[in-house]
Amino acid sequence: MAIVKKKLDAGNYNLKDQVVNINRVTKVVKGGKNMSFAALVVIGDPATGVVGYGSGKAKEVPRRSARGLNRPRRT
C-alpha cells in the first residue's frame, strides 16, 4: 500500500509551535571545542489534527528555533 503525502497550505490553519527538546552539541577539534545547539520543534493545529515536526542546528539558541520551524511549515 502506497502512502500518499499531500502538501497543505499553512495559511489555512491556526498553527502553534512548541520546542520539544534542545540539545547542546560539542565537537572536539584541534583548536578546542566547537559548541552548537540542536532543537526539535513540533508545529500544528490542534483543532484540525494537523501536525508537523522539524529540527534545526545553529551556533546560537534563537537561530536554531527559527530553523526548526521552517521545515514543518513547508510540508
PDB file of N, CA and C in Angstrom:
ATOM      1  N   MET A   1       0.840  -1.170   0.000  1.00  0.00           N
ATOM      2  CA  MET A   1       0.000   0.000   0.000  1.00  0.00           C
ATOM      3  C   MET A   1       0.888   1.237   0.000  1.00  0.00           C
ATOM      4  N   ALA A   2       0.640   2.148  -0.908  1.00  0.00           N
ATOM      5  CA  ALA A   2       1.431   3.367  -1.040  1.00  0.00           C
ATOM      6  C   ALA A   2       0.917   4.438  -0.081  1.00  0.00           C
ATOM      7  N   ILE A   3       1.840   5.171   0.512  1.00  0.00           N
ATOM      8  CA  ILE A   3       1.484   6.277   1.379  1.00  0.00           C
ATOM      9  C   ILE A   3       1.479   7.545   0.539  1.00  0.00           C
ATOM     10  N   VAL A   4       0.352   8.231   0.526  1.00  0.00           N
ATOM     11  CA  VAL A   4       0.213   9.460  -0.252  1.00  0.00           C
ATOM     12  C   VAL A   4       0.437  10.640   0.688  1.00  0.00           C
ATOM     13  N   LYS A   5       1.375  11.492   0.302  1.00  0.00           N
ATOM     14  CA  LYS A   5       1.693  12.656   1.119  1.00  0.00           C
ATOM     15  C   LYS A   5       1.252  13.894   0.362  1.00  0.00           C
ATOM     16  N   LYS A   6       0.332  14.672   0.930  1.00  0.00           N
ATOM     17  CA  LYS A   6      -0.142  15.861   0.245  1.00  0.00           C
ATOM     18  C   LYS A   6       0.360  17.112   0.952  1.00  0.00           C
ATOM     19  N   LYS A   7       0.612  18.156   0.172  1.00  0.00           N
ATOM     20  CA  LYS A   7       1.061  19.431   0.729  1.00  0.00           C
ATOM     21  C   LYS A   7      -0.146  20.205   1.225  1.00  0.00           C
ATOM     22  N   LEU A   8       0.023  20.833   2.386  1.00  0.00           N
ATOM     23  CA  LEU A   8      -1.035  21.635   2.971  1.00  0.00           C
ATOM     24  C   LEU A   8      -0.623  23.097   2.966  1.00  0.00           C
ATOM     25  N   ASP A   9      -1.593  23.984   2.804  1.00  0.00           N
ATOM     26  CA  ASP A   9      -1.320  25.421   2.832  1.00  0.00           C
ATOM     27  C   ASP A   9      -1.329  25.881   4.291  1.00  0.00           C
ATOM     28  N   ALA A  10      -0.192  26.402   4.771  1.00  0.00           N
ATOM     29  CA  ALA A  10      -0.066  26.810   6.170  1.00  0.00           C
ATOM     30  C   ALA A  10      -0.946  28.004   6.501  1.00  0.00           C
ATOM     31  N   GLY A  11      -1.352  28.768   5.511  1.00  0.00           N
ATOM     32  CA  GLY A  11      -2.188  29.934   5.759  1.00  0.00           C
ATOM     33  C   GLY A  11      -3.607  29.592   6.176  1.00  0.00           C
ATOM     34  N   ASN A  12      -4.041  28.371   5.917  1.00  0.00           N
ATOM     35  CA  ASN A  12      -5.404  27.958   6.250  1.00  0.00           C
ATOM     36  C   ASN A  12      -5.558  27.461   7.679  1.00  0.00           C
ATOM     37  N   TYR A  13      -4.473  27.350   8.416  1.00  0.00           N
ATOM     38  CA  TYR A  13      -4.510  26.766   9.752  1.00  0.00           C
ATOM     39  C   TYR A  13      -4.046  27.763  10.803  1.00  0.00           C
ATOM     40  N   ASN A  14      -4.509  27.563  12.025  1.00  0.00           N
ATOM     41  CA  ASN A  14      -4.067  28.346  13.173  1.00  0.00           C
ATOM     42  C   ASN A  14      -2.924  27.572  13.837  1.00  0.00           C
ATOM     43  N   LEU A  15      -1.697  27.768  13.343  1.00  0.00           N
ATOM     44  CA  LEU A  15      -0.561  26.961  13.766  1.00  0.00           C
ATOM     45  C   LEU A  15       0.020  27.443  15.093  1.00  0.00           C
ATOM     46  N   LYS A  16       0.337  26.485  15.935  1.00  0.00           N
ATOM     47  CA  LYS A  16       1.011  26.744  17.201  1.00  0.00           C
ATOM     48  C   LYS A  16       2.272  25.897  17.224  1.00  0.00           C
ATOM     49  N   ASP A  17       3.380  26.478  17.726  1.00  0.00           N
ATOM     50  CA  ASP A  17       4.633  25.726  17.751  1.00  0.00           C
ATOM     51  C   ASP A  17       5.084  25.499  19.185  1.00  0.00           C
ATOM     52  N   GLN A  18       5.795  24.403  19.390  1.00  0.00           N
ATOM     53  CA  GLN A  18       6.303  24.019  20.708  1.00  0.00           C
ATOM     54  C   GLN A  18       7.694  23.433  20.544  1.00  0.00           C
ATOM     55  N   VAL A  19       8.651  23.965  21.291  1.00  0.00           N
ATOM     56  CA  VAL A  19      10.006  23.407  21.293  1.00  0.00           C
ATOM     57  C   VAL A  19       9.992  22.193  22.208  1.00  0.00           C
ATOM     58  N   VAL A  20      10.314  21.036  21.657  1.00  0.00           N
ATOM     59  CA  VAL A  20      10.267  19.785  22.413  1.00  0.00           C
ATOM     60  C   VAL A  20      11.583  19.534  23.137  1.00  0.00           C
ATOM     61  N   ASN A  21      12.691  19.754  22.434  1.00  0.00           N
ATOM     62  CA  ASN A  21      13.982  19.396  23.007  1.00  0.00           C
ATOM     63  C   ASN A  21      15.053  20.339  22.460  1.00  0.00           C
ATOM     64  N   ILE A  22      16.004  20.707  23.329  1.00  0.00           N
ATOM     65  CA  ILE A  22      17.173  21.484  22.924  1.00  0.00           C
ATOM     66  C   ILE A  22      18.403  20.712  23.383  1.00  0.00           C
ATOM     67  N   ASN A  23      19.254  20.364  22.439  1.00  0.00           N
ATOM     68  CA  ASN A  23      20.496  19.645  22.749  1.00  0.00           C
ATOM     69  C   ASN A  23      21.689  20.555  22.531  1.00  0.00           C
ATOM     70  N   ARG A  24      22.625  20.522  23.444  1.00  0.00           N
ATOM     71  CA  ARG A  24      23.892  21.217  23.248  1.00  0.00           C
ATOM     72  C   ARG A  24      24.869  20.198  22.677  1.00  0.00           C
ATOM     73  N   VAL A  25      25.381  20.482  21.493  1.00  0.00           N
ATOM     74  CA  VAL A  25      26.270  19.562  20.792  1.00  0.00           C
ATOM     75  C   VAL A  25      27.673  20.146  20.823  1.00  0.00           C
ATOM     76  N   THR A  26      28.634  19.351  21.266  1.00  0.00           N
ATOM     77  CA  THR A  26      30.022  19.795  21.339  1.00  0.00           C
ATOM     78  C   THR A  26      30.874  18.890  20.476  1.00  0.00           C
ATOM     79  N   LYS A  27      31.661  19.500  19.602  1.00  0.00           N
ATOM     80  CA  LYS A  27      32.579  18.765  18.743  1.00  0.00           C
ATOM     81  C   LYS A  27      33.998  19.152  19.138  1.00  0.00           C
ATOM     82  N   VAL A  28      34.814  18.176  19.466  1.00  0.00           N
ATOM     83  CA  VAL A  28      36.194  18.433  19.862  1.00  0.00           C
ATOM     84  C   VAL A  28      37.064  18.464  18.612  1.00  0.00           C
ATOM     85  N   VAL A  29      37.747  19.572  18.418  1.00  0.00           N
ATOM     86  CA  VAL A  29      38.638  19.754  17.276  1.00  0.00           C
ATOM     87  C   VAL A  29      40.021  20.118  17.791  1.00  0.00           C
ATOM     88  N   LYS A  30      40.941  20.256  16.869  1.00  0.00           N
ATOM     89  CA  LYS A  30      42.330  20.528  17.233  1.00  0.00           C
ATOM     90  C   LYS A  30      42.479  21.821  18.059  1.00  0.00           C
ATOM     91  N   GLY A  31      41.732  22.848  17.716  1.00  0.00           N
ATOM     92  CA  GLY A  31      41.856  24.129  18.402  1.00  0.00           C
ATOM     93  C   GLY A  31      41.017  24.255  19.661  1.00  0.00           C
ATOM     94  N   GLY A  32      40.228  23.276  20.014  1.00  0.00           N
ATOM     95  CA  GLY A  32      39.384  23.345  21.211  1.00  0.00           C
ATOM     96  C   GLY A  32      38.064  22.639  20.977  1.00  0.00           C
ATOM     97  N   LYS A  33      37.005  23.243  21.481  1.00  0.00           N
ATOM     98  CA  LYS A  33      35.675  22.656  21.345  1.00  0.00           C
ATOM     99  C   LYS A  33      34.766  23.608  20.581  1.00  0.00           C
ATOM    100  N   ASN A  34      34.063  23.062  19.606  1.00  0.00           N
ATOM    101  CA  ASN A  34      33.050  23.824  18.881  1.00  0.00           C
ATOM    102  C   ASN A  34      31.692  23.458  19.453  1.00  0.00           C
ATOM    103  N   MET A  35      30.956  24.454  19.927  1.00  0.00           N
ATOM    104  CA  MET A  35      29.654  24.187  20.525  1.00  0.00           C
ATOM    105  C   MET A  35      28.551  24.730  19.626  1.00  0.00           C
ATOM    106  N   SER A  36      27.502  23.924  19.446  1.00  0.00           N
ATOM    107  CA  SER A  36      26.327  24.359  18.708  1.00  0.00           C
ATOM    108  C   SER A  36      25.098  23.791  19.410  1.00  0.00           C
ATOM    109  N   PHE A  37      23.936  24.225  18.963  1.00  0.00           N
ATOM    110  CA  PHE A  37      22.689  23.789  19.574  1.00  0.00           C
ATOM    111  C   PHE A  37      21.802  23.160  18.520  1.00  0.00           C
ATOM    112  N   ALA A  38      21.087  22.121  18.916  1.00  0.00           N
ATOM    113  CA  ALA A  38      20.128  21.451  18.036  1.00  0.00           C
ATOM    114  C   ALA A  38      18.771  21.470  18.726  1.00  0.00           C
ATOM    115  N   ALA A  39      17.723  21.749  17.963  1.00  0.00           N
ATOM    116  CA  ALA A  39      16.378  21.833  18.532  1.00  0.00           C
ATOM    117  C   ALA A  39      15.411  20.968  17.737  1.00  0.00           C
ATOM    118  N   LEU A  40      14.466  20.385  18.451  1.00  0.00           N
ATOM    119  CA  LEU A  40      13.360  19.649  17.853  1.00  0.00           C
ATOM    120  C   LEU A  40      12.094  20.447  18.130  1.00  0.00           C
ATOM    121  N   VAL A  41      11.388  20.832  17.066  1.00  0.00           N
ATOM    122  CA  VAL A  41      10.211  21.686  17.174  1.00  0.00           C
ATOM    123  C   VAL A  41       9.024  20.978  16.543  1.00  0.00           C
ATOM    124  N   VAL A  42       7.886  21.018  17.235  1.00  0.00           N
ATOM    125  CA  VAL A  42       6.638  20.453  16.713  1.00  0.00           C
ATOM    126  C   VAL A  42       5.692  21.619  16.473  1.00  0.00           C
ATOM    127  N   ILE A  43       5.020  21.603  15.328  1.00  0.00           N
ATOM    128  CA  ILE A  43       4.089  22.667  14.973  1.00  0.00           C
ATOM    129  C   ILE A  43       2.817  22.027  14.441  1.00  0.00           C
ATOM    130  N   GLY A  44       1.666  22.607  14.793  1.00  0.00           N
ATOM    131  CA  GLY A  44       0.426  22.038  14.317  1.00  0.00           C
ATOM    132  C   GLY A  44      -0.786  22.849  14.705  1.00  0.00           C
ATOM    133  N   ASP A  45      -1.936  22.391  14.229  1.00  0.00           N
ATOM    134  CA  ASP A  45      -3.227  22.994  14.540  1.00  0.00           C
ATOM    135  C   ASP A  45      -4.032  21.977  15.335  1.00  0.00           C
ATOM    136  N   PRO A  46      -4.241  22.215  16.640  1.00  0.00           N
ATOM    137  CA  PRO A  46      -4.950  21.226  17.465  1.00  0.00           C
ATOM    138  C   PRO A  46      -6.405  21.000  17.033  1.00  0.00           C
ATOM    139  N   ALA A  47      -7.034  22.004  16.457  1.00  0.00           N
ATOM    140  CA  ALA A  47      -8.445  21.865  16.084  1.00  0.00           C
ATOM    141  C   ALA A  47      -8.640  20.901  14.926  1.00  0.00           C
ATOM    142  N   THR A  48      -7.692  20.868  13.987  1.00  0.00           N
ATOM    143  CA  THR A  48      -7.850  20.009  12.817  1.00  0.00           C
ATOM    144  C   THR A  48      -7.013  18.737  12.884  1.00  0.00           C
ATOM    145  N   GLY A  49      -6.083  18.652  13.822  1.00  0.00           N
ATOM    146  CA  GLY A  49      -5.250  17.452  13.958  1.00  0.00           C
ATOM    147  C   GLY A  49      -4.086  17.404  12.992  1.00  0.00           C
ATOM    148  N   VAL A  50      -3.674  18.546  12.453  1.00  0.00           N
ATOM    149  CA  VAL A  50      -2.549  18.612  11.532  1.00  0.00           C
ATOM    150  C   VAL A  50      -1.283  18.863  12.346  1.00  0.00           C
ATOM    151  N   VAL A  51      -0.267  17.994  12.176  1.00  0.00           N
ATOM    152  CA  VAL A  51       0.965  18.092  12.957  1.00  0.00           C
ATOM    153  C   VAL A  51       2.166  17.910  12.044  1.00  0.00           C
ATOM    154  N   GLY A  52       3.231  18.670  12.326  1.00  0.00           N
ATOM    155  CA  GLY A  52       4.491  18.517  11.617  1.00  0.00           C
ATOM    156  C   GLY A  52       5.630  18.730  12.591  1.00  0.00           C
ATOM    157  N   TYR A  53       6.820  18.285  12.223  1.00  0.00           N
ATOM    158  CA  TYR A  53       7.969  18.472  13.099  1.00  0.00           C
ATOM    159  C   TYR A  53       9.176  18.866  12.254  1.00  0.00           C
ATOM    160  N   GLY A  54      10.140  19.457  12.912  1.00  0.00           N
ATOM    161  CA  GLY A  54      11.353  19.856  12.231  1.00  0.00           C
ATOM    162  C   GLY A  54      12.490  19.977  13.226  1.00  0.00           C
ATOM    163  N   SER A  55      13.701  19.917  12.723  1.00  0.00           N
ATOM    164  CA  SER A  55      14.869  20.076  13.582  1.00  0.00           C
ATOM    165  C   SER A  55      15.788  21.100  12.943  1.00  0.00           C
ATOM    166  N   GLY A  56      16.526  21.803  13.794  1.00  0.00           N
ATOM    167  CA  GLY A  56      17.450  22.816  13.308  1.00  0.00           C
ATOM    168  C   GLY A  56      18.701  22.846  14.152  1.00  0.00           C
ATOM    169  N   LYS A  57      19.826  23.172  13.538  1.00  0.00           N
ATOM    170  CA  LYS A  57      21.098  23.301  14.247  1.00  0.00           C
ATOM    171  C   LYS A  57      21.681  24.667  13.942  1.00  0.00           C
ATOM    172  N   ALA A  58      22.247  25.310  14.972  1.00  0.00           N
ATOM    173  CA  ALA A  58      22.868  26.616  14.781  1.00  0.00           C
ATOM    174  C   ALA A  58      23.837  26.868  15.931  1.00  0.00           C
ATOM    175  N   LYS A  59      24.651  27.900  15.764  1.00  0.00           N
ATOM    176  CA  LYS A  59      25.622  28.269  16.793  1.00  0.00           C
ATOM    177  C   LYS A  59      24.961  28.993  17.958  1.00  0.00           C
ATOM    178  N   GLU A  60      23.852  29.717  17.708  1.00  0.00           N
ATOM    179  CA  GLU A  60      23.147  30.424  18.768  1.00  0.00           C
ATOM    180  C   GLU A  60      21.764  29.813  18.977  1.00  0.00           C
ATOM    181  N   VAL A  61      21.230  29.965  20.186  1.00  0.00           N
ATOM    182  CA  VAL A  61      19.950  29.354  20.536  1.00  0.00           C
ATOM    183  C   VAL A  61      18.781  29.954  19.745  1.00  0.00           C
ATOM    184  N   PRO A  62      18.628  31.278  19.621  1.00  0.00           N
ATOM    185  CA  PRO A  62      17.447  31.793  18.908  1.00  0.00           C
ATOM    186  C   PRO A  62      17.384  31.386  17.433  1.00  0.00           C
ATOM    187  N   ARG A  63      18.512  31.292  16.775  1.00  0.00           N
ATOM    188  CA  ARG A  63      18.525  30.954  15.352  1.00  0.00           C
ATOM    189  C   ARG A  63      18.120  29.505  15.118  1.00  0.00           C
ATOM    190  N   ARG A  64      18.476  28.601  16.012  1.00  0.00           N
ATOM    191  CA  ARG A  64      18.139  27.190  15.814  1.00  0.00           C
ATOM    192  C   ARG A  64      16.645  26.975  15.903  1.00  0.00           C
ATOM    193  N   SER A  65      15.926  27.756  16.718  1.00  0.00           N
ATOM    194  CA  SER A  65      14.472  27.615  16.779  1.00  0.00           C
ATOM    195  C   SER A  65      13.835  28.040  15.470  1.00  0.00           C
ATOM    196  N   ALA A  66      14.341  29.109  14.879  1.00  0.00           N
ATOM    197  CA  ALA A  66      13.804  29.570  13.600  1.00  0.00           C
ATOM    198  C   ALA A  66      14.039  28.539  12.513  1.00  0.00           C
ATOM    199  N   ARG A  67      15.197  27.916  12.509  1.00  0.00           N
ATOM    200  CA  ARG A  67      15.486  26.877  11.514  1.00  0.00           C
ATOM    201  C   ARG A  67      14.606  25.656  11.722  1.00  0.00           C
ATOM    202  N   GLY A  68      14.342  25.324  12.971  1.00  0.00           N
ATOM    203  CA  GLY A  68      13.472  24.182  13.247  1.00  0.00           C
ATOM    204  C   GLY A  68      12.040  24.420  12.819  1.00  0.00           C
ATOM    205  N   LEU A  69      11.594  25.680  12.803  1.00  0.00           N
ATOM    206  CA  LEU A  69      10.229  25.987  12.400  1.00  0.00           C
ATOM    207  C   LEU A  69      10.050  26.024  10.892  1.00  0.00           C
ATOM    208  N   ASN A  70      11.103  26.269  10.147  1.00  0.00           N
ATOM    209  CA  ASN A  70      10.981  26.382   8.695  1.00  0.00           C
ATOM    210  C   ASN A  70      10.572  25.073   8.040  1.00  0.00           C
ATOM    211  N   ARG A  71      11.119  23.972   8.455  1.00  0.00           N
ATOM    212  CA  ARG A  71      10.871  22.679   7.815  1.00  0.00           C
ATOM    213  C   ARG A  71       9.411  22.223   7.912  1.00  0.00           C
ATOM    214  N   PRO A  72       8.794  22.204   9.102  1.00  0.00           N
ATOM    215  CA  PRO A  72       7.406  21.712   9.140  1.00  0.00           C
ATOM    216  C   PRO A  72       6.405  22.643   8.452  1.00  0.00           C
ATOM    217  N   ARG A  73       6.712  23.927   8.355  1.00  0.00           N
ATOM    218  CA  ARG A  73       5.791  24.839   7.679  1.00  0.00           C
ATOM    219  C   ARG A  73       5.787  24.624   6.179  1.00  0.00           C
ATOM    220  N   ARG A  74       6.880  24.111   5.617  1.00  0.00           N
ATOM    221  CA  ARG A  74       6.941  23.873   4.178  1.00  0.00           C
ATOM    222  C   ARG A  74       6.182  22.638   3.762  1.00  0.00           C
ATOM    223  N   THR A  75       6.099  21.641   4.624  1.00  0.00           N
ATOM    224  CA  THR A  75       5.474  20.377   4.237  1.00  0.00           C
ATOM    225  C   THR A  75       4.016  20.332   4.600  1.00  0.00           C
TER     226      THR A  75
END
